[in-house]
Amino acid sequence: MATAAATLKPGNLDSHQLLSEAAYGCEHLVPILKNSAAADPFKIGFRKQYESLAPYTKPEPVTVQATGLRTVSSLKPKYHCLSCSEVCLSTERKAHTKKTGHVFSADIESRNRFLFCESCVDFVYDHGLERFCGPQAKFEYSKGTWVDDVASEAYVKHNAFKNPCSRRGARGVWNMGQTCYQSVILQALLHDPTLNAYFLSGGHDIHTCERNFCMACAASEVFMDFNSGEKTEAVSAATLLYHGWDASRDMAGYRQQDAHEYFQFLVNALHAATPGHSESYEKRCNCFFHQTFYGELRSSVMCHKCGKTTHTYDPMADLSLDVQLQNKKRKLGPRTSSTTATLTGCLESFTAVEDLSPDASYHCEKCGNTPQRASKRLQIRKLPAILCMQLKRYEHNAASSDKLHGHIDFPITLNMLPFTVKKDKERVDTSRYIYDLSTVIVHQGSMDSGHYYAYTRVHGDKWVLMDDNKVTVASVADVLRQDAYLLFYGIRSIGPQKSS
């Protein structure tokens, strides 16, 4: 039997976001029980059907004749439809649902009359319905209400306790030899409610997956281990690490890797391991990971002579922001302006109009395919649910490679609307563009060596410092003063975004 998260079948991002906070037996009960007008008739009908079932009796042994074989139908599980009076065998449920549209039934043969959802193809458990039809519930049909057995409720209240599972605190990730780059990326993902709903609900079925060295299977194991209430020590991601070595030679071996490159590698690997995904940019991919991590950029080039503008579109799994360019612009600006770079300033520079150099040799079709001066602008056409931003701290040239040190101000809450494609008079729901900071990844050291650690939001406004297997409580002030390398923001409200 499963709860709401465990009965969810692979679906779109909205389904997993809904179930990450669902308090019902399954997603198909949600629209019924959340609607007060539909909930009461459903509960009353459910209770009447429940009580109309014959009392449970222990099955008696059936004597089978020594000669010949016969089918003993009484030993097969039977299901009583909760919307009508029909009784079905397990092999008949699907046809009955297709014919009548009735989804829910009760297992007659079980003592507890378990609720079965044909849409989930699984038993589901809802605490409210359990209390509604349990022995402690006294139903008054005339009033259409139900009353608790106060003594039973008081006994349960004073004798039950919540399991202080490790997820209510925080668990680190073991460093297996310069694998801190993996640990910090996992901490950014393990605390995301949408990803937890997906992996814990069987979004990727490890029992039926036939891929060798499947990264999604390995990630599922990490999520299940991380959410195990029986463990408090750090999580091991050895299988995920080794599968990554098998998938990419660049990632193989016990040597320091770039956390940003590992994030890109992991997201692409999870996308590739999803059944039905699309590798073609020409074909829209609706897989869970594509909806969660991938956005879309629009590149616009305008000819200075005729004004013709052409657009091209490219997928994005993150944004790489030039911190050094933003610093230079601020130093050349008014003396009263702050010399500290900001994340919003980096985004403004990223989406600002820039003139193409004469060497670019832009040829305008409208101007007879002749070279013309032109300007270019990048804007975000579609935002992902989980937005990763890299603050580019590494500068490479022919002579050397250096790391740029210094602080970049970043906010707890970020409005991404100004950096997206939108029409001047278009009315938009601004709440669809608000993001909340979830993880800050810091690199300490030089270009060739160093260590990664992460500050992660675990519950509401609670923050912790994740340093491999070591976990320390942190404050918001601690988080905001860090010299961030990677910033993870989660969208506050999932919904459709208009594209132009």
Protein backbone atom coordinates (compact mmCIF):
# COMPACT_ATOMS: atom_id res chain seq x y z
CA MET A 1 0.00 0.00 0.00
CA ALA A 2 1.20 3.48 -0.77
CA THR A 3 0.66 7.05 0.33
CA ALA A 4 0.17 10.04 -1.94
CA ALA A 5 3.80 10.40 -2.98
CA ALA A 6 4.26 6.71 -3.56
CA THR A 7 1.28 6.26 -5.83
CA LEU A 8 2.20 9.00 -8.27
CA LYS A 9 2.99 7.79 -11.75
CA PRO A 10 5.48 9.60 -13.99
CA GLY A 11 3.83 12.74 -15.24
CA ASN A 12 4.41 16.39 -15.79
CA LEU A 13 6.12 18.82 -13.48
CA ASP A 14 2.84 20.23 -12.13
CA SER A 15 1.74 16.79 -10.89
CA HIS A 16 4.92 16.28 -8.90
CA GLN A 17 4.81 19.80 -7.51
CA LEU A 18 1.20 19.18 -6.39
CA LEU A 19 2.01 15.88 -4.73
CA SER A 20 5.12 17.18 -2.99
CA GLU A 21 2.72 18.87 -0.59
CA ALA A 22 -0.37 16.66 -1.03
CA ALA A 23 -2.17 15.43 2.05
CA TYR A 24 -4.38 12.89 0.32
CA GLY A 25 -4.18 9.24 -0.66
CA CYS A 26 -3.33 9.92 -4.29
CA GLU A 27 -3.48 12.66 -6.90
CA HIS A 28 -6.88 11.44 -8.09
CA LEU A 29 -8.41 12.01 -4.64
CA VAL A 30 -7.02 15.55 -4.45
CA PRO A 31 -9.61 17.29 -6.70
CA ILE A 32 -12.42 15.44 -4.91
CA LEU A 33 -11.42 15.97 -1.29
CA LYS A 34 -10.16 19.54 -1.78
CA ASN A 35 -13.52 20.58 -3.23
CA SER A 36 -15.92 21.01 -0.33
CA ALA A 37 -18.95 20.64 -2.63
CA ALA A 38 -17.72 17.28 -3.93
CA ALA A 39 -16.01 16.03 -0.75
CA ASP A 40 -19.11 15.62 1.42
CA PRO A 41 -21.16 13.57 -1.10
CA PHE A 42 -18.09 11.45 -1.82
CA LYS A 43 -17.51 10.79 1.90
CA ILE A 44 -21.15 9.97 2.52
CA GLY A 45 -21.29 7.62 -0.45
CA PHE A 46 -18.00 6.07 0.54
CA ARG A 47 -19.21 5.47 4.10
CA LYS A 48 -22.51 3.94 2.94
CA GLN A 49 -20.78 1.60 0.52
CA TYR A 50 -18.18 0.77 3.13
CA GLU A 51 -20.78 -0.21 5.72
CA SER A 52 -22.89 -2.10 3.17
CA LEU A 53 -20.09 -4.59 2.57
CA ALA A 54 -20.54 -7.95 4.26
CA PRO A 55 -18.66 -8.32 7.55
CA TYR A 56 -15.16 -9.63 7.15
CA THR A 57 -14.88 -13.34 7.85
CA LYS A 58 -11.74 -15.39 7.93
CA PRO A 59 -11.58 -17.55 4.79
CA GLU A 60 -12.28 -21.18 5.44
CA PRO A 61 -10.16 -23.95 3.89
CA VAL A 62 -11.66 -25.26 0.68
CA THR A 63 -11.45 -28.97 0.04
CA VAL A 64 -10.31 -29.70 -3.48
CA GLN A 65 -11.28 -33.06 -4.96
CA ALA A 66 -8.43 -35.42 -5.62
CA THR A 67 -9.62 -36.13 -9.14
CA GLY A 68 -9.62 -33.35 -11.67
CA LEU A 69 -8.91 -29.61 -11.31
CA ARG A 70 -11.38 -26.83 -10.71
CA THR A 71 -11.14 -23.08 -10.24
CA VAL A 72 -11.89 -21.85 -6.73
CA SER A 73 -13.19 -18.35 -7.44
CA SER A 74 -13.90 -17.66 -3.78
CA LEU A 75 -10.16 -17.42 -3.10
CA LYS A 76 -9.59 -14.67 -5.68
CA PRO A 77 -9.57 -11.09 -4.34
CA LYS A 78 -12.77 -9.18 -5.06
CA TYR A 79 -13.26 -5.44 -5.34
CA HIS A 80 -16.48 -3.60 -4.54
CA CYS A 81 -16.96 -0.47 -6.63
CA LEU A 82 -17.53 2.53 -4.33
CA SER A 83 -19.64 4.35 -6.91
CA CYS A 84 -22.06 1.50 -7.68
CA SER A 85 -22.88 -1.94 -6.33
CA GLU A 86 -20.85 -3.97 -8.81
CA VAL A 87 -18.27 -6.47 -7.55
CA CYS A 88 -15.25 -7.14 -9.77
CA LEU A 89 -12.29 -9.47 -9.77
CA SER A 90 -8.88 -7.88 -10.19
CA THR A 91 -8.92 -8.82 -13.87
CA GLU A 92 -12.25 -7.02 -14.36
CA ARG A 93 -11.52 -3.70 -12.64
CA LYS A 94 -9.98 -1.96 -15.65
CA ALA A 95 -12.89 -2.84 -17.93
CA HIS A 96 -15.38 -1.65 -15.30
CA THR A 97 -13.58 1.70 -14.95
CA LYS A 98 -13.43 2.14 -18.71
CA LYS A 99 -17.15 1.42 -19.01
CA THR A 100 -18.42 3.48 -16.06
CA GLY A 101 -15.65 5.94 -15.22
CA HIS A 102 -15.70 4.69 -11.62
CA VAL A 103 -12.14 4.82 -10.26
CA PHE A 104 -12.26 3.77 -6.59
CA SER A 105 -13.09 0.38 -5.10
CA ALA A 106 -12.59 -1.47 -1.82
CA ASP A 107 -10.87 -4.81 -1.39
CA ILE A 108 -13.62 -7.02 0.06
CA GLU A 109 -11.29 -9.82 1.06
CA SER A 110 -9.07 -7.72 3.32
CA ARG A 111 -9.93 -7.05 6.93
CA ASN A 112 -9.31 -3.30 6.54
CA ARG A 113 -11.16 -2.90 3.24
CA PHE A 114 -8.22 -1.17 1.59
CA LEU A 115 -9.01 1.56 -0.93
CA PHE A 116 -7.90 0.85 -4.50
CA CYS A 117 -7.44 3.50 -7.19
CA GLU A 118 -7.67 2.13 -10.72
CA SER A 119 -6.01 5.25 -12.17
CA CYS A 120 -2.97 4.66 -9.94
CA VAL A 121 -3.33 0.86 -10.30
CA ASP A 122 -2.44 0.63 -6.62
CA PHE A 123 -3.86 0.64 -3.12
CA VAL A 124 -3.90 4.11 -1.58
CA TYR A 125 -4.14 5.32 1.98
CA ASP A 126 -5.83 8.51 3.11
CA HIS A 127 -5.78 9.32 6.80
CA GLY A 128 -8.98 11.37 6.65
CA LEU A 129 -11.00 8.57 5.05
CA GLU A 130 -9.47 6.05 7.44
CA ARG A 131 -10.72 8.08 10.41
CA PHE A 132 -14.03 8.67 8.66
CA CYS A 133 -14.78 4.96 8.27
CA GLY A 134 -12.79 3.51 11.15
CA PRO A 135 -14.31 2.12 14.34
CA GLN A 136 -13.80 5.42 16.14
CA ALA A 137 -16.06 7.31 13.71
CA LYS A 138 -19.73 7.70 14.50
CA PHE A 139 -21.68 8.82 11.46
CA GLU A 140 -25.04 10.53 11.65
CA TYR A 141 -26.74 10.25 8.25
CA SER A 142 -29.58 12.58 9.19
CA LYS A 143 -27.18 15.42 9.97
CA GLY A 144 -24.63 14.52 7.31
CA THR A 145 -21.80 14.82 9.82
CA TRP A 146 -19.48 12.50 11.63
CA VAL A 147 -18.34 12.62 15.24
CA ASP A 148 -15.08 11.36 16.71
CA ASP A 149 -14.88 8.97 19.58
CA VAL A 150 -13.27 11.47 21.97
CA ALA A 151 -11.71 8.83 24.21
CA SER A 152 -10.06 7.07 21.25
CA GLU A 153 -8.83 10.32 19.79
CA ALA A 154 -7.36 11.37 23.14
CA TYR A 155 -5.63 8.01 23.54
CA VAL A 156 -4.05 8.23 20.09
CA LYS A 157 -3.01 11.83 20.63
CA HIS A 158 -1.20 11.12 23.90
CA ASN A 159 0.34 7.81 22.92
CA ALA A 160 1.48 8.51 19.38
CA PHE A 161 4.63 10.34 18.37
CA LYS A 162 6.25 11.50 15.17
CA ASN A 163 9.32 9.67 14.05
CA PRO A 164 12.11 12.28 14.13
CA CYS A 165 13.35 11.21 10.72
CA SER A 166 16.66 12.49 9.52
CA ARG A 167 15.06 14.59 6.80
CA ARG A 168 13.67 16.91 9.45
CA GLY A 169 17.28 17.65 10.25
CA ALA A 170 20.01 17.42 7.66
CA ARG A 171 22.40 14.77 6.42
CA GLY A 172 25.73 15.23 4.78
CA VAL A 173 27.22 13.34 1.84
CA TRP A 174 30.39 11.28 2.25
CA ASN A 175 33.52 12.50 0.47
CA MET A 176 35.00 9.47 -1.28
CA GLY A 177 38.26 11.14 -2.27
CA GLN A 178 38.08 14.65 -3.74
CA THR A 179 34.38 14.21 -4.52
CA CYS A 180 33.21 17.36 -2.75
CA TYR A 181 32.10 18.66 -6.17
CA GLN A 182 29.51 15.88 -6.22
CA SER A 183 28.47 16.38 -2.60
CA VAL A 184 27.52 20.04 -3.04
CA ILE A 185 25.48 19.43 -6.19
CA LEU A 186 23.61 16.58 -4.49
CA GLN A 187 22.82 18.82 -1.51
CA ALA A 188 21.31 21.35 -3.91
CA LEU A 189 19.04 18.65 -5.38
CA LEU A 190 18.25 16.47 -2.36
CA HIS A 191 16.39 19.26 -0.56
CA ASP A 192 14.19 20.24 -3.50
CA PRO A 193 10.57 19.14 -2.81
CA THR A 194 9.71 18.59 -6.48
CA LEU A 195 12.68 16.28 -7.05
CA ASN A 196 11.86 14.39 -3.86
CA ALA A 197 8.26 13.91 -5.01
CA TYR A 198 9.50 12.58 -8.35
CA PHE A 199 12.10 10.11 -7.09
CA LEU A 200 10.17 8.91 -4.02
CA SER A 201 7.00 8.36 -6.06
CA GLY A 202 8.61 6.01 -8.52
CA GLY A 203 8.98 8.66 -11.20
CA HIS A 204 11.89 6.54 -12.38
CA ASP A 205 11.06 2.87 -11.84
CA ILE A 206 14.30 1.15 -10.84
CA HIS A 207 12.58 -2.26 -10.88
CA THR A 208 11.70 -2.16 -14.58
CA CYS A 209 14.58 -0.03 -15.90
CA GLU A 210 16.74 -2.01 -18.32
CA ARG A 211 19.54 0.53 -18.80
CA ASN A 212 23.03 -0.54 -17.76
CA PHE A 213 24.74 1.81 -15.29
CA CYS A 214 21.62 3.98 -15.24
CA MET A 215 22.26 7.37 -13.63
CA ALA A 216 18.56 7.86 -12.84
CA CYS A 217 18.47 4.52 -10.97
CA ALA A 218 21.55 5.53 -8.99
CA ALA A 219 20.03 8.95 -8.21
CA SER A 220 16.80 7.26 -7.05
CA GLU A 221 18.81 5.16 -4.59
CA VAL A 222 20.46 8.29 -3.18
CA PHE A 223 17.10 10.04 -2.71
CA MET A 224 15.60 6.97 -1.00
CA ASP A 225 18.63 6.58 1.27
CA PHE A 226 18.61 10.30 2.09
CA ASN A 227 14.94 10.19 3.12
CA SER A 228 15.26 7.04 5.21
CA GLY A 229 14.04 7.86 8.70
CA GLU A 230 16.10 5.04 10.18
CA LYS A 231 19.45 6.61 9.33
CA THR A 232 21.15 9.74 10.58
CA GLU A 233 24.67 9.39 9.23
CA ALA A 234 25.88 10.89 5.97
CA VAL A 235 24.62 9.55 2.64
CA SER A 236 26.85 7.55 0.32
CA ALA A 237 26.60 8.29 -3.39
CA ALA A 238 29.17 5.72 -4.49
CA THR A 239 26.96 4.07 -7.11
CA LEU A 240 26.09 7.43 -8.66
CA LEU A 241 29.79 8.33 -8.73
CA TYR A 242 30.85 5.08 -10.39
CA HIS A 243 28.04 5.21 -12.94
CA GLY A 244 29.22 8.72 -13.78
CA TRP A 245 32.73 7.40 -14.33
CA ASP A 246 31.36 4.82 -16.73
CA ALA A 247 29.34 7.43 -18.63
CA SER A 248 32.11 10.01 -18.99
CA ARG A 249 35.87 9.62 -19.11
CA ASP A 250 36.25 13.27 -18.24
CA MET A 251 34.49 12.62 -14.92
CA ALA A 252 36.34 9.37 -14.13
CA GLY A 253 38.96 9.07 -11.41
CA TYR A 254 39.64 10.47 -7.95
CA ARG A 255 40.57 13.98 -8.99
CA GLN A 256 39.02 17.37 -8.39
CA GLN A 257 36.24 18.28 -10.82
CA ASP A 258 34.36 21.50 -11.44
CA ALA A 259 31.00 21.50 -9.62
CA HIS A 260 29.35 23.43 -12.44
CA GLU A 261 30.50 20.90 -15.04
CA TYR A 262 29.29 18.05 -12.84
CA PHE A 263 25.86 19.68 -12.52
CA GLN A 264 25.58 19.95 -16.30
CA PHE A 265 26.74 16.36 -16.71
CA LEU A 266 24.28 15.02 -14.10
CA VAL A 267 21.28 16.90 -15.52
CA ASN A 268 22.05 15.70 -19.05
CA ALA A 269 22.51 12.12 -17.80
CA LEU A 270 19.17 12.14 -15.93
CA HIS A 271 17.47 13.59 -19.01
CA ALA A 272 19.00 10.88 -21.22
CA ALA A 273 17.87 8.14 -18.82
CA THR A 274 14.21 9.18 -18.99
CA PRO A 275 12.02 6.99 -21.23
CA GLY A 276 10.48 8.95 -24.08
CA HIS A 277 12.88 11.88 -23.87
CA SER A 278 13.89 13.76 -27.00
CA GLU A 279 17.49 14.46 -27.97
CA SER A 280 16.54 16.69 -30.89
CA TYR A 281 16.38 20.44 -30.36
CA GLU A 282 13.78 20.59 -33.11
CA LYS A 283 11.35 18.42 -31.13
CA ARG A 284 10.00 19.67 -27.82
CA CYS A 285 10.85 17.38 -24.89
CA ASN A 286 8.26 17.04 -22.12
CA CYS A 287 10.22 14.74 -19.83
CA PHE A 288 10.31 15.62 -16.14
CA PHE A 289 13.97 16.64 -16.05
CA HIS A 290 13.67 18.81 -19.14
CA GLN A 291 10.78 20.70 -17.57
CA THR A 292 12.60 20.99 -14.25
CA PHE A 293 16.10 22.05 -15.30
CA TYR A 294 15.97 23.31 -18.87
CA GLY A 295 14.90 26.75 -20.00
CA GLU A 296 15.27 28.49 -23.33
CA LEU A 297 17.29 31.50 -24.49
CA ARG A 298 16.37 33.82 -27.32
CA SER A 299 19.20 35.45 -29.25
CA SER A 300 18.12 38.51 -31.27
CA VAL A 301 20.30 40.17 -33.91
CA MET A 302 19.24 43.52 -35.39
CA CYS A 303 20.67 45.03 -38.56
CA HIS A 304 21.60 48.69 -38.01
CA LYS A 305 20.84 49.61 -41.62
CA CYS A 306 17.35 48.21 -42.19
CA GLY A 307 16.28 47.35 -38.65
CA LYS A 308 15.42 43.71 -39.49
CA THR A 309 15.63 41.49 -36.39
CA THR A 310 16.17 37.73 -36.51
CA HIS A 311 15.68 35.36 -33.59
CA THR A 312 17.30 32.04 -32.74
CA TYR A 313 16.43 29.82 -29.78
CA ASP A 314 18.70 27.58 -27.73
CA PRO A 315 18.09 25.37 -24.67
CA MET A 316 19.77 26.32 -21.40
CA ALA A 317 20.39 24.27 -18.29
CA ASP A 318 21.95 27.19 -16.39
CA LEU A 319 23.17 30.75 -16.79
CA SER A 320 26.89 31.58 -16.80
CA LEU A 321 27.30 35.21 -15.76
CA ASP A 322 30.44 37.26 -16.44
CA VAL A 323 31.34 38.76 -13.05
CA GLN A 324 34.50 40.48 -14.33
CA LEU A 325 32.62 42.33 -17.07
CA GLN A 326 30.10 43.60 -14.54
CA ASN A 327 32.90 44.76 -12.23
CA LYS A 328 34.53 46.70 -15.07
CA LYS A 329 31.24 48.41 -15.98
CA ARG A 330 30.65 49.50 -12.40
CA LYS A 331 34.18 50.89 -12.04
CA LEU A 332 33.71 52.96 -15.21
CA GLY A 333 30.37 54.26 -13.98
CA PRO A 334 29.58 57.19 -11.63
CA ARG A 335 31.79 57.45 -8.57
CA THR A 336 28.74 57.28 -6.33
CA SER A 337 27.86 53.81 -7.56
CA SER A 338 28.86 50.79 -5.49
CA THR A 339 32.03 48.97 -6.54
CA THR A 340 30.52 45.66 -5.41
CA ALA A 341 29.10 43.55 -8.20
CA THR A 342 25.53 42.30 -7.85
CA LEU A 343 23.66 39.34 -9.25
CA THR A 344 20.99 41.58 -10.75
CA GLY A 345 23.75 43.66 -12.34
CA CYS A 346 25.25 40.51 -13.86
CA LEU A 347 21.84 39.57 -15.25
CA GLU A 348 21.37 43.06 -16.66
CA SER A 349 24.74 42.79 -18.41
CA PHE A 350 23.85 39.33 -19.69
CA THR A 351 20.62 40.56 -21.27
CA ALA A 352 21.90 43.98 -22.42
CA VAL A 353 22.16 44.98 -26.08
CA GLU A 354 25.73 44.84 -27.40
CA ASP A 355 27.18 45.86 -30.75
CA LEU A 356 28.75 43.09 -32.76
CA SER A 357 32.37 43.69 -33.67
CA PRO A 358 33.15 44.44 -37.34
CA ASP A 359 34.99 41.12 -37.47
CA ALA A 360 31.68 39.30 -36.88
CA SER A 361 30.74 39.96 -40.54
CA TYR A 362 26.98 39.84 -40.03
CA HIS A 363 25.23 39.43 -43.39
CA CYS A 364 21.68 40.79 -43.57
CA GLU A 365 19.34 38.98 -45.94
CA LYS A 366 17.09 42.02 -46.29
CA CYS A 367 20.08 44.11 -47.35
CA GLY A 368 21.05 41.71 -50.13
CA ASN A 369 23.08 39.41 -47.92
CA THR A 370 25.75 42.09 -47.57
CA PRO A 371 27.86 42.63 -44.42
CA GLN A 372 26.29 45.18 -42.08
CA ARG A 373 26.81 46.54 -38.60
CA ALA A 374 24.47 44.86 -36.13
CA SER A 375 23.68 44.48 -32.45
CA LYS A 376 22.83 41.38 -30.44
CA ARG A 377 20.78 40.70 -27.34
CA LEU A 378 20.20 37.60 -25.21
CA GLN A 379 16.95 37.18 -23.27
CA ILE A 380 15.30 34.30 -21.46
CA ARG A 381 12.29 32.95 -23.33
CA LYS A 382 11.44 30.16 -20.89
CA LEU A 383 12.54 29.76 -17.28
CA PRO A 384 13.18 26.37 -15.62
CA ALA A 385 11.71 25.36 -12.26
CA ILE A 386 15.21 25.02 -10.77
CA LEU A 387 17.49 27.83 -11.94
CA CYS A 388 21.24 27.38 -11.58
CA MET A 389 23.50 30.39 -12.10
CA GLN A 390 27.28 30.24 -12.35
CA LEU A 391 29.24 33.31 -11.36
CA LYS A 392 32.23 32.93 -13.67
CA ARG A 393 35.27 33.30 -11.47
CA TYR A 394 37.82 31.73 -13.81
CA GLU A 395 39.62 33.71 -16.50
CA HIS A 396 41.57 31.87 -19.18
CA ASN A 397 44.01 33.39 -21.67
CA ALA A 398 46.99 32.24 -23.70
CA ALA A 399 49.44 32.95 -20.88
CA SER A 400 47.64 31.81 -17.73
CA SER A 401 44.43 30.94 -15.94
CA ASP A 402 43.35 32.86 -12.87
CA LYS A 403 40.54 32.78 -10.36
CA LEU A 404 38.65 35.99 -9.67
CA HIS A 405 38.12 36.53 -5.96
CA GLY A 406 35.63 38.93 -4.44
CA HIS A 407 32.06 39.18 -3.26
CA ILE A 408 28.99 39.41 -5.47
CA ASP A 409 25.79 40.50 -3.75
CA PHE A 410 22.87 38.14 -4.33
CA PRO A 411 19.31 38.28 -2.96
CA ILE A 412 17.24 35.72 -1.07
CA THR A 413 14.31 36.44 -3.41
CA LEU A 414 14.83 37.16 -7.09
CA ASN A 415 12.41 38.52 -9.71
CA MET A 416 13.45 37.15 -13.12
CA LEU A 417 10.74 38.95 -15.11
CA PRO A 418 12.98 41.87 -16.25
CA PHE A 419 15.39 39.43 -17.91
CA THR A 420 12.79 37.54 -19.93
CA VAL A 421 11.16 38.08 -23.31
CA LYS A 422 8.00 40.10 -22.82
CA LYS A 423 5.94 42.60 -24.79
CA ASP A 424 5.76 46.17 -23.53
CA LYS A 425 2.00 46.11 -22.98
CA GLU A 426 1.73 42.44 -22.06
CA ARG A 427 0.02 41.71 -18.76
CA VAL A 428 1.80 38.92 -16.93
CA ASP A 429 1.41 37.18 -13.60
CA THR A 430 4.58 38.35 -11.85
CA SER A 431 4.30 35.59 -9.25
CA ARG A 432 5.32 33.10 -11.97
CA TYR A 433 8.74 34.76 -12.16
CA ILE A 434 9.63 34.92 -8.45
CA TYR A 435 12.47 32.64 -7.32
CA ASP A 436 13.73 31.81 -3.82
CA LEU A 437 17.35 31.07 -3.04
CA SER A 438 17.81 27.41 -2.10
CA THR A 439 21.56 26.65 -2.23
CA VAL A 440 24.80 28.61 -2.35
CA ILE A 441 27.93 26.69 -3.44
CA VAL A 442 31.33 28.12 -2.55
CA HIS A 443 34.76 27.15 -3.87
CA GLN A 444 37.65 27.75 -1.51
CA GLY A 445 41.14 27.64 -2.97
CA SER A 446 42.89 28.26 -6.27
CA MET A 447 42.25 27.23 -9.87
CA ASP A 448 44.07 23.91 -9.57
CA SER A 449 43.10 22.88 -6.05
CA GLY A 450 40.55 23.65 -3.40
CA HIS A 451 37.39 22.51 -1.71
CA TYR A 452 33.64 22.93 -2.25
CA TYR A 453 31.02 23.42 0.44
CA ALA A 454 27.37 24.46 0.29
CA TYR A 455 24.85 26.46 2.27
CA THR A 456 21.42 24.86 1.83
CA ARG A 457 17.92 25.85 2.89
CA VAL A 458 16.40 22.84 4.67
CA HIS A 459 13.11 23.93 6.24
CA GLY A 460 11.45 27.23 5.50
CA ASP A 461 14.06 29.82 6.44
CA LYS A 462 16.43 27.35 8.14
CA TRP A 463 19.92 27.20 6.66
CA VAL A 464 22.76 24.76 7.22
CA LEU A 465 26.38 24.57 6.09
CA MET A 466 27.04 21.29 4.28
CA ASP A 467 30.74 20.44 4.30
CA ASP A 468 30.77 16.85 3.01
CA ASN A 469 29.56 14.76 5.97
CA LYS A 470 29.75 17.68 8.44
CA VAL A 471 26.56 19.67 9.00
CA THR A 472 26.47 23.02 10.83
CA VAL A 473 23.57 25.39 11.52
CA ALA A 474 23.94 28.72 9.68
CA SER A 475 22.12 32.04 9.57
CA VAL A 476 20.86 34.04 6.61
CA ALA A 477 23.63 36.56 7.26
CA ASP A 478 26.20 33.74 6.99
CA VAL A 479 24.74 32.76 3.64
CA LEU A 480 24.61 36.25 2.12
CA ARG A 481 28.23 37.08 2.96
CA GLN A 482 29.63 34.13 1.00
CA ASP A 483 31.69 34.50 -2.16
CA ALA A 484 29.35 32.33 -4.19
CA TYR A 485 30.38 30.27 -7.21
CA LEU A 486 27.01 28.61 -7.96
CA LEU A 487 23.58 29.85 -6.95
CA PHE A 488 20.46 27.67 -7.04
CA TYR A 489 17.05 29.32 -7.05
CA GLY A 490 13.71 27.49 -7.00
CA ILE A 491 10.59 28.92 -8.59
CA ARG A 492 7.99 29.86 -6.01
CA SER A 493 4.90 29.10 -8.10
CA ILE A 494 4.77 26.76 -11.08
CA GLY A 495 2.58 27.78 -13.96
CA PRO A 496 2.59 28.49 -17.69
CA GLN A 497 4.89 31.23 -18.98
CA LYS A 498 3.98 32.99 -22.19
CA SER A 499 6.63 32.95 -24.89
CA SER A 500 7.07 35.48 -27.63
